[in-house]
Amino acid sequence: MDKQRLDNWLNSRKKRKNSMRPELLFDGIRSGNIASLAAGITLLESSTPEDHLVAKSLLSLCLPFSGKSIRIGITGVPGVGKSTFIESFGLHLTAQGKKLAVLAIDPSSGKSGGSILGDKTRMNDLSMDPNAFIRPSPAGTSLGGVARKTRESILLCEAAGFDVILIETVGVGQSETAVHSMVDFFLLLMLAGAGDELQGIKRGIMEMADALVITKADGENVRKANAARQEYQNALHLFPSNPNGWNPKVLTCSAIQNQSIETVSQLIDQFVSHTKSNHSFEFRRHKQDKYWMHESLKELILNEFFANETNQRAIEAFEKQVVNGEISSFAAADILYKQFKNTIRGEH
């Protein structure tokens, strides 16, 4: 590398380092600069130790300015039309003068590790709205880490002044529990006419929902959607009552035809008003804060355990013994844990 190229490379690294200073990013985020917000979220998602330190400082700066948005989780079976619904719903919110951030956890390939990250192309009109910010994140192989970074991204978006944060999940499965633990309102989108309406939907997911919306209620599907709405409403009566005193509702809508989108928005407003009046809104947020402290602690402990070279060698040795039937999986885990505990004690 000649001197000129070396100087250019050093200058570019210096510029990047300066632009990544937490104080500068924070100033940009507070002023509503989307580039600064995107750069901040990229830091949160980075696996580089240096970026972790910057991200931690940035979060500390943003935390006092967070918490003022309404956080909404949206999930549903594949093909239910989540992106179409979010675009229609999002455009309705921005038309009311609200600033909207969409954080979408995108499915990653289990074989290649590649991620589609196509949410912006599926929400073309919303992505061009000056009052909207769409940020897809690859789910990868570890949902827990992505969920924690999504939670942190919410704080940055709130510090940037966004009024509503939408979290779109991968689909019906493990991700719902994680997303439910970081939102104020959890919306489950359903399809009508897909066989037995209550089959394939886990009871736990329906119990988490604050509202169900039957999508694609247009054309010849209107009758089926209304029938499904009644069936789901009857099913919800069988579930235990919510501690917050809210009775989940079932609605129908057509995102393509923009029908009943306003009704969904009004229902969410009713929920927020109800839960704030009886203080369950604040209670839920405090409970979530404690939950994420515990989850972050677990992640740190796990990362330290598996990053330890001595542990890695011991794990490989015990794996062979377990496979050969020389020791049970449970006994091996117990020994590994005790060895790790002794190592920690030795360091102190």
Foldseek 3Di string as FASTA:
>chain_A
DDPVVVVVVVVVVVVVVVCLALVNLLVCLLQLNVVSLVVLLVLLVDPDPVSVVSNVVNLVSLQVQADQAAEEEEAEAPPLCPLLLCLLLLVVQVVVVFAEEEEEAFEADPVPRHTPPCSCVSNVVQVPDPRYHYHYDYCGDPVLSVLLSVLSSNSSNSSSPGHYYYYYYHHPDDNLVSSLLRGLAYEYEYEFPPPDRPPPHDPVSLVSHLEYEHEPCDDPCVVRRVVSQVVSLVVQVPDDADPLRRRYHYYYAYSVVSGCSVVVVVVVVVSVVSSVVVVVSVVSNVVSVVVSVVSVVVVVVVVVQCVDPVLVVLVVVVVVCCVVVVDPPVVSVVVSVVVVVVVVVVVD
